[in-house]
PDB file of N, CA and C in Angstrom:
ATOM      1  N   UNK A   1     -15.962   3.033  64.426  1.00  0.00           N
ATOM      2  CA  UNK A   1     -15.244   4.057  65.157  1.00  0.00           C
ATOM      3  C   UNK A   1     -14.557   3.426  66.357  1.00  0.00           C
ATOM      4  N   UNK A   2     -13.463   4.055  66.739  1.00  0.00           N
ATOM      5  CA  UNK A   2     -12.671   3.550  67.855  1.00  0.00           C
ATOM      6  C   UNK A   2     -12.917   4.390  69.104  1.00  0.00           C
ATOM      7  N   UNK A   3     -12.633   3.800  70.228  1.00  0.00           N
ATOM      8  CA  UNK A   3     -12.777   4.476  71.514  1.00  0.00           C
ATOM      9  C   UNK A   3     -12.002   5.791  71.516  1.00  0.00           C
ATOM     10  N   UNK A   4     -10.798   5.769  70.946  1.00  0.00           N
ATOM     11  CA  UNK A   4      -9.939   6.955  70.932  1.00  0.00           C
ATOM     12  C   UNK A   4     -10.607   8.132  70.226  1.00  0.00           C
ATOM     13  N   UNK A   5     -11.404   7.849  69.194  1.00  0.00           N
ATOM     14  CA  UNK A   5     -12.098   8.918  68.468  1.00  0.00           C
ATOM     15  C   UNK A   5     -13.063   9.664  69.387  1.00  0.00           C
ATOM     16  N   UNK A   6     -13.786   8.934  70.175  1.00  0.00           N
ATOM     17  CA  UNK A   6     -14.744   9.536  71.094  1.00  0.00           C
ATOM     18  C   UNK A   6     -14.036  10.274  72.229  1.00  0.00           C
ATOM     19  N   UNK A   7     -12.965   9.685  72.738  1.00  0.00           N
ATOM     20  CA  UNK A   7     -12.213  10.325  73.815  1.00  0.00           C
ATOM     21  C   UNK A   7     -11.558  11.618  73.335  1.00  0.00           C
ATOM     22  N   UNK A   8     -11.120  11.637  72.086  1.00  0.00           N
ATOM     23  CA  UNK A   8     -10.532  12.849  71.525  1.00  0.00           C
ATOM     24  C   UNK A   8     -11.556  13.975  71.492  1.00  0.00           C
ATOM     25  N   UNK A   9     -12.792  13.644  71.115  1.00  0.00           N
ATOM     26  CA  UNK A   9     -13.857  14.656  71.092  1.00  0.00           C
ATOM     27  C   UNK A   9     -14.060  15.241  72.482  1.00  0.00           C
ATOM     28  N   UNK A  10     -14.115  14.392  73.479  1.00  0.00           N
ATOM     29  CA  UNK A  10     -14.317  14.856  74.852  1.00  0.00           C
ATOM     30  C   UNK A  10     -13.149  15.731  75.299  1.00  0.00           C
ATOM     31  N   UNK A  11     -11.928  15.341  74.974  1.00  0.00           N
ATOM     32  CA  UNK A  11     -10.772  16.138  75.408  1.00  0.00           C
ATOM     33  C   UNK A  11     -10.727  17.490  74.699  1.00  0.00           C
ATOM     34  N   UNK A  12     -11.268  17.576  73.499  1.00  0.00           N
ATOM     35  CA  UNK A  12     -11.297  18.854  72.780  1.00  0.00           C
ATOM     36  C   UNK A  12     -12.132  19.897  73.532  1.00  0.00           C
ATOM     37  N   UNK A  13     -13.151  19.462  74.229  1.00  0.00           N
ATOM     38  CA  UNK A  13     -13.960  20.387  75.027  1.00  0.00           C
ATOM     39  C   UNK A  13     -13.086  21.112  76.049  1.00  0.00           C
ATOM     40  N   UNK A  14     -12.185  20.359  76.691  1.00  0.00           N
ATOM     41  CA  UNK A  14     -11.295  20.962  77.688  1.00  0.00           C
ATOM     42  C   UNK A  14     -10.361  21.981  77.044  1.00  0.00           C
ATOM     43  N   UNK A  15      -9.847  21.655  75.867  1.00  0.00           N
ATOM     44  CA  UNK A  15      -8.957  22.584  75.168  1.00  0.00           C
ATOM     45  C   UNK A  15      -9.689  23.870  74.793  1.00  0.00           C
ATOM     46  N   UNK A  16     -10.924  23.733  74.354  1.00  0.00           N
ATOM     47  CA  UNK A  16     -11.713  24.904  73.981  1.00  0.00           C
ATOM     48  C   UNK A  16     -11.943  25.802  75.196  1.00  0.00           C
ATOM     49  N   UNK A  17     -12.327  25.215  76.310  1.00  0.00           N
ATOM     50  CA  UNK A  17     -12.546  26.004  77.529  1.00  0.00           C
ATOM     51  C   UNK A  17     -11.255  26.673  77.978  1.00  0.00           C
ATOM     52  N   UNK A  18     -10.149  25.944  77.921  1.00  0.00           N
ATOM     53  CA  UNK A  18      -8.857  26.537  78.282  1.00  0.00           C
ATOM     54  C   UNK A  18      -8.526  27.715  77.379  1.00  0.00           C
ATOM     55  N   UNK A  19      -8.796  27.580  76.090  1.00  0.00           N
ATOM     56  CA  UNK A  19      -8.539  28.672  75.142  1.00  0.00           C
ATOM     57  C   UNK A  19      -9.397  29.892  75.455  1.00  0.00           C
ATOM     58  N   UNK A  20     -10.648  29.654  75.815  1.00  0.00           N
ATOM     59  CA  UNK A  20     -11.533  30.771  76.164  1.00  0.00           C
ATOM     60  C   UNK A  20     -11.013  31.487  77.399  1.00  0.00           C
ATOM     61  N   UNK A  21     -10.597  30.723  78.412  1.00  0.00           N
ATOM     62  CA  UNK A  21     -10.054  31.336  79.628  1.00  0.00           C
ATOM     63  C   UNK A  21      -8.779  32.124  79.321  1.00  0.00           C
ATOM     64  N   UNK A  22      -7.962  31.601  78.431  1.00  0.00           N
ATOM     65  CA  UNK A  22      -6.737  32.308  78.048  1.00  0.00           C
ATOM     66  C   UNK A  22      -7.067  33.632  77.361  1.00  0.00           C
ATOM     67  N   UNK A  23      -8.052  33.606  76.480  1.00  0.00           N
ATOM     68  CA  UNK A  23      -8.486  34.843  75.825  1.00  0.00           C
ATOM     69  C   UNK A  23      -8.964  35.846  76.870  1.00  0.00           C
ATOM     70  N   UNK A  24      -9.789  35.352  77.808  1.00  0.00           N
ATOM     71  CA  UNK A  24     -10.326  36.242  78.851  1.00  0.00           C
ATOM     72  C   UNK A  24      -9.208  36.879  79.669  1.00  0.00           C
ATOM     73  N   UNK A  25      -8.121  36.145  79.870  1.00  0.00           N
ATOM     74  CA  UNK A  25      -7.014  36.659  80.676  1.00  0.00           C
ATOM     75  C   UNK A  25      -6.181  37.705  79.936  1.00  0.00           C
ATOM     76  N   UNK A  26      -6.260  37.721  78.624  1.00  0.00           N
ATOM     77  CA  UNK A  26      -5.381  38.589  77.845  1.00  0.00           C
ATOM     78  C   UNK A  26      -6.060  39.828  77.263  1.00  0.00           C
ATOM     79  N   UNK A  27      -7.350  39.941  77.440  1.00  0.00           N
ATOM     80  CA  UNK A  27      -8.041  41.119  76.908  1.00  0.00           C
ATOM     81  C   UNK A  27      -8.958  41.692  77.976  1.00  0.00           C
ATOM     82  N   UNK A  28      -9.267  42.944  77.822  1.00  0.00           N
ATOM     83  CA  UNK A  28     -10.200  43.599  78.731  1.00  0.00           C
ATOM     84  C   UNK A  28     -11.615  43.421  78.195  1.00  0.00           C
ATOM     85  N   UNK A  29     -12.463  42.870  79.022  1.00  0.00           N
ATOM     86  CA  UNK A  29     -13.847  42.642  78.632  1.00  0.00           C
ATOM     87  C   UNK A  29     -14.774  43.493  79.490  1.00  0.00           C
ATOM     88  N   UNK A  30     -15.849  43.903  78.874  1.00  0.00           N
ATOM     89  CA  UNK A  30     -16.884  44.559  79.663  1.00  0.00           C
ATOM     90  C   UNK A  30     -17.564  43.490  80.510  1.00  0.00           C
ATOM     91  N   UNK A  31     -18.358  43.922  81.460  1.00  0.00           N
ATOM     92  CA  UNK A  31     -19.102  42.978  82.297  1.00  0.00           C
ATOM     93  C   UNK A  31     -19.985  42.075  81.439  1.00  0.00           C
ATOM     94  N   UNK A  32     -20.643  42.663  80.462  1.00  0.00           N
ATOM     95  CA  UNK A  32     -21.524  41.920  79.573  1.00  0.00           C
ATOM     96  C   UNK A  32     -20.744  40.905  78.731  1.00  0.00           C
ATOM     97  N   UNK A  33     -19.608  41.320  78.213  1.00  0.00           N
ATOM     98  CA  UNK A  33     -18.781  40.411  77.403  1.00  0.00           C
ATOM     99  C   UNK A  33     -18.257  39.263  78.247  1.00  0.00           C
ATOM    100  N   UNK A  34     -17.806  39.571  79.461  1.00  0.00           N
ATOM    101  CA  UNK A  34     -17.318  38.542  80.370  1.00  0.00           C
ATOM    102  C   UNK A  34     -18.428  37.556  80.707  1.00  0.00           C
ATOM    103  N   UNK A  35     -19.622  38.068  80.925  1.00  0.00           N
ATOM    104  CA  UNK A  35     -20.775  37.219  81.227  1.00  0.00           C
ATOM    105  C   UNK A  35     -21.081  36.279  80.063  1.00  0.00           C
ATOM    106  N   UNK A  36     -21.026  36.811  78.861  1.00  0.00           N
ATOM    107  CA  UNK A  36     -21.303  35.974  77.682  1.00  0.00           C
ATOM    108  C   UNK A  36     -20.236  34.909  77.487  1.00  0.00           C
ATOM    109  N   UNK A  37     -18.981  35.256  77.758  1.00  0.00           N
ATOM    110  CA  UNK A  37     -17.905  34.263  77.675  1.00  0.00           C
ATOM    111  C   UNK A  37     -18.138  33.155  78.702  1.00  0.00           C
ATOM    112  N   UNK A  38     -18.547  33.540  79.901  1.00  0.00           N
ATOM    113  CA  UNK A  38     -18.832  32.558  80.946  1.00  0.00           C
ATOM    114  C   UNK A  38     -20.004  31.669  80.551  1.00  0.00           C
ATOM    115  N   UNK A  39     -21.014  32.254  79.953  1.00  0.00           N
ATOM    116  CA  UNK A  39     -22.161  31.473  79.470  1.00  0.00           C
ATOM    117  C   UNK A  39     -21.718  30.484  78.399  1.00  0.00           C
ATOM    118  N   UNK A  40     -20.819  30.913  77.531  1.00  0.00           N
ATOM    119  CA  UNK A  40     -20.315  30.028  76.485  1.00  0.00           C
ATOM    120  C   UNK A  40     -19.600  28.826  77.094  1.00  0.00           C
ATOM    121  N   UNK A  41     -18.763  29.078  78.098  1.00  0.00           N
ATOM    122  CA  UNK A  41     -18.048  27.990  78.764  1.00  0.00           C
ATOM    123  C   UNK A  41     -19.038  27.042  79.437  1.00  0.00           C
ATOM    124  N   UNK A  42     -20.043  27.591  80.102  1.00  0.00           N
ATOM    125  CA  UNK A  42     -21.061  26.753  80.748  1.00  0.00           C
ATOM    126  C   UNK A  42     -21.776  25.882  79.718  1.00  0.00           C
ATOM    127  N   UNK A  43     -22.077  26.433  78.575  1.00  0.00           N
ATOM    128  CA  UNK A  43     -22.748  25.671  77.520  1.00  0.00           C
ATOM    129  C   UNK A  43     -21.856  24.557  76.990  1.00  0.00           C
ATOM    130  N   UNK A  44     -20.585  24.854  76.844  1.00  0.00           N
ATOM    131  CA  UNK A  44     -19.628  23.841  76.390  1.00  0.00           C
ATOM    132  C   UNK A  44     -19.541  22.711  77.412  1.00  0.00           C
ATOM    133  N   UNK A  45     -19.483  23.072  78.683  1.00  0.00           N
ATOM    134  CA  UNK A  45     -19.416  22.059  79.742  1.00  0.00           C
ATOM    135  C   UNK A  45     -20.686  21.206  79.786  1.00  0.00           C
ATOM    136  N   UNK A  46     -21.842  21.815  79.541  1.00  0.00           N
ATOM    137  CA  UNK A  46     -23.096  21.054  79.488  1.00  0.00           C
ATOM    138  C   UNK A  46     -23.087  20.089  78.311  1.00  0.00           C
ATOM    139  N   UNK A  47     -22.610  20.553  77.163  1.00  0.00           N
ATOM    140  CA  UNK A  47     -22.540  19.693  75.981  1.00  0.00           C
ATOM    141  C   UNK A  47     -21.606  18.513  76.236  1.00  0.00           C
ATOM    142  N   UNK A  48     -20.496  18.773  76.896  1.00  0.00           N
ATOM    143  CA  UNK A  48     -19.553  17.704  77.224  1.00  0.00           C
ATOM    144  C   UNK A  48     -20.220  16.658  78.116  1.00  0.00           C
ATOM    145  N   UNK A  49     -20.948  17.109  79.131  1.00  0.00           N
ATOM    146  CA  UNK A  49     -21.634  16.176  80.030  1.00  0.00           C
ATOM    147  C   UNK A  49     -22.648  15.314  79.277  1.00  0.00           C
ATOM    148  N   UNK A  50     -23.354  15.925  78.351  1.00  0.00           N
ATOM    149  CA  UNK A  50     -24.339  15.187  77.549  1.00  0.00           C
ATOM    150  C   UNK A  50     -23.642  14.099  76.746  1.00  0.00           C
ATOM    151  N   UNK A  51     -22.541  14.455  76.089  1.00  0.00           N
ATOM    152  CA  UNK A  51     -21.825  13.482  75.261  1.00  0.00           C
ATOM    153  C   UNK A  51     -21.165  12.392  76.087  1.00  0.00           C
ATOM    154  N   UNK A  52     -20.663  12.743  77.266  1.00  0.00           N
ATOM    155  CA  UNK A  52     -20.054  11.737  78.144  1.00  0.00           C
ATOM    156  C   UNK A  52     -21.086  10.674  78.512  1.00  0.00           C
ATOM    157  N   UNK A  53     -22.320  11.087  78.712  1.00  0.00           N
ATOM    158  CA  UNK A  53     -23.380  10.125  79.036  1.00  0.00           C
ATOM    159  C   UNK A  53     -23.872   9.386  77.793  1.00  0.00           C
ATOM    160  N   UNK A  54     -23.892  10.072  76.657  1.00  0.00           N
ATOM    161  CA  UNK A  54     -24.422   9.492  75.426  1.00  0.00           C
ATOM    162  C   UNK A  54     -23.489   8.468  74.790  1.00  0.00           C
ATOM    163  N   UNK A  55     -22.211   8.808  74.662  1.00  0.00           N
ATOM    164  CA  UNK A  55     -21.291   7.962  73.902  1.00  0.00           C
ATOM    165  C   UNK A  55     -21.317   6.490  74.310  1.00  0.00           C
ATOM    166  N   UNK A  56     -21.260   6.142  75.598  1.00  0.00           N
ATOM    167  CA  UNK A  56     -21.253   4.723  75.960  1.00  0.00           C
ATOM    168  C   UNK A  56     -22.592   4.011  75.701  1.00  0.00           C
ATOM    169  N   UNK A  57     -23.611   4.774  75.367  1.00  0.00           N
ATOM    170  CA  UNK A  57     -24.945   4.192  75.172  1.00  0.00           C
ATOM    171  C   UNK A  57     -25.339   4.057  73.699  1.00  0.00           C
ATOM    172  N   UNK A  58     -24.491   4.493  72.787  1.00  0.00           N
ATOM    173  CA  UNK A  58     -24.838   4.434  71.364  1.00  0.00           C
ATOM    174  C   UNK A  58     -24.898   2.975  70.933  1.00  0.00           C
ATOM    175  N   UNK A  59     -26.073   2.544  70.596  1.00  0.00           N
ATOM    176  CA  UNK A  59     -26.330   1.128  70.323  1.00  0.00           C
ATOM    177  C   UNK A  59     -25.615   0.604  69.081  1.00  0.00           C
ATOM    178  N   UNK A  60     -25.330   1.470  68.123  1.00  0.00           N
ATOM    179  CA  UNK A  60     -24.682   1.008  66.895  1.00  0.00           C
ATOM    180  C   UNK A  60     -23.182   0.768  67.066  1.00  0.00           C
ATOM    181  N   UNK A  61     -22.633   1.125  68.226  1.00  0.00           N
ATOM    182  CA  UNK A  61     -21.228   0.856  68.502  1.00  0.00           C
ATOM    183  C   UNK A  61     -21.070  -0.582  68.967  1.00  0.00           C
ATOM    184  N   UNK A  62     -19.907  -1.129  68.743  1.00  0.00           N
ATOM    185  CA  UNK A  62     -19.622  -2.471  69.227  1.00  0.00           C
ATOM    186  C   UNK A  62     -19.615  -2.500  70.740  1.00  0.00           C
ATOM    187  N   UNK A  63     -19.935  -3.655  71.283  1.00  0.00           N
ATOM    188  CA  UNK A  63     -19.981  -3.808  72.732  1.00  0.00           C
ATOM    189  C   UNK A  63     -18.646  -3.447  73.368  1.00  0.00           C
ATOM    190  N   UNK A  64     -17.544  -3.842  72.727  1.00  0.00           N
ATOM    191  CA  UNK A  64     -16.225  -3.555  73.284  1.00  0.00           C
ATOM    192  C   UNK A  64     -15.956  -2.054  73.350  1.00  0.00           C
ATOM    193  N   UNK A  65     -16.377  -1.313  72.326  1.00  0.00           N
ATOM    194  CA  UNK A  65     -16.188   0.138  72.312  1.00  0.00           C
ATOM    195  C   UNK A  65     -17.055   0.785  73.384  1.00  0.00           C
ATOM    196  N   UNK A  66     -18.314   0.350  73.494  1.00  0.00           N
ATOM    197  CA  UNK A  66     -19.203   0.910  74.520  1.00  0.00           C
ATOM    198  C   UNK A  66     -18.648   0.654  75.920  1.00  0.00           C
ATOM    199  N   UNK A  67     -18.145  -0.554  76.153  1.00  0.00           N
ATOM    200  CA  UNK A  67     -17.585  -0.880  77.463  1.00  0.00           C
ATOM    201  C   UNK A  67     -16.333  -0.051  77.746  1.00  0.00           C
ATOM    202  N   UNK A  68     -15.482   0.111  76.731  1.00  0.00           N
ATOM    203  CA  UNK A  68     -14.285   0.941  76.891  1.00  0.00           C
ATOM    204  C   UNK A  68     -14.669   2.380  77.217  1.00  0.00           C
ATOM    205  N   UNK A  69     -15.651   2.904  76.500  1.00  0.00           N
ATOM    206  CA  UNK A  69     -16.096   4.278  76.737  1.00  0.00           C
ATOM    207  C   UNK A  69     -16.666   4.436  78.136  1.00  0.00           C
ATOM    208  N   UNK A  70     -17.437   3.453  78.553  1.00  0.00           N
ATOM    209  CA  UNK A  70     -18.018   3.521  79.901  1.00  0.00           C
ATOM    210  C   UNK A  70     -16.915   3.576  80.954  1.00  0.00           C
ATOM    211  N   UNK A  71     -15.893   2.773  80.765  1.00  0.00           N
ATOM    212  CA  UNK A  71     -14.770   2.753  81.702  1.00  0.00           C
ATOM    213  C   UNK A  71     -13.977   4.057  81.653  1.00  0.00           C
ATOM    214  N   UNK A  72     -13.650   4.497  80.456  1.00  0.00           N
ATOM    215  CA  UNK A  72     -12.814   5.684  80.277  1.00  0.00           C
ATOM    216  C   UNK A  72     -13.517   6.979  80.697  1.00  0.00           C
ATOM    217  N   UNK A  73     -14.824   7.030  80.530  1.00  0.00           N
ATOM    218  CA  UNK A  73     -15.559   8.273  80.767  1.00  0.00           C
ATOM    219  C   UNK A  73     -16.135   8.381  82.173  1.00  0.00           C
ATOM    220  N   UNK A  74     -15.933   7.378  83.014  1.00  0.00           N
ATOM    221  CA  UNK A  74     -16.481   7.448  84.372  1.00  0.00           C
ATOM    222  C   UNK A  74     -15.874   8.606  85.153  1.00  0.00           C
ATOM    223  N   UNK A  75     -14.640   8.971  84.867  1.00  0.00           N
ATOM    224  CA  UNK A  75     -13.984  10.077  85.571  1.00  0.00           C
ATOM    225  C   UNK A  75     -14.546  11.438  85.175  1.00  0.00           C
ATOM    226  N   UNK A  76     -15.226  11.502  84.046  1.00  0.00           N
ATOM    227  CA  UNK A  76     -15.747  12.770  83.541  1.00  0.00           C
ATOM    228  C   UNK A  76     -17.132  13.083  84.103  1.00  0.00           C
ATOM    229  N   UNK A  77     -17.755  12.150  84.743  1.00  0.00           N
ATOM    230  CA  UNK A  77     -19.118  12.343  85.247  1.00  0.00           C
ATOM    231  C   UNK A  77     -19.192  13.205  86.444  1.00  0.00           C
TER     232      UNK A  77
END
């Protein structure tokens, strides 16, 4: 696998959150529905943080890929 593959996964999290916010802006939600949407975004952000920390540590990746990921993902921490 290439560094770009992992970075694409991380960037998809941002697109998903943006899409959720766009949906929230275009429809009327009850308090409960809005709360659940917010919880979903929080869960997505937690998953992203986990993967940002995990990807550079995957031992089966080549050293060059791990080093690239560590460099590229430092801004996401």
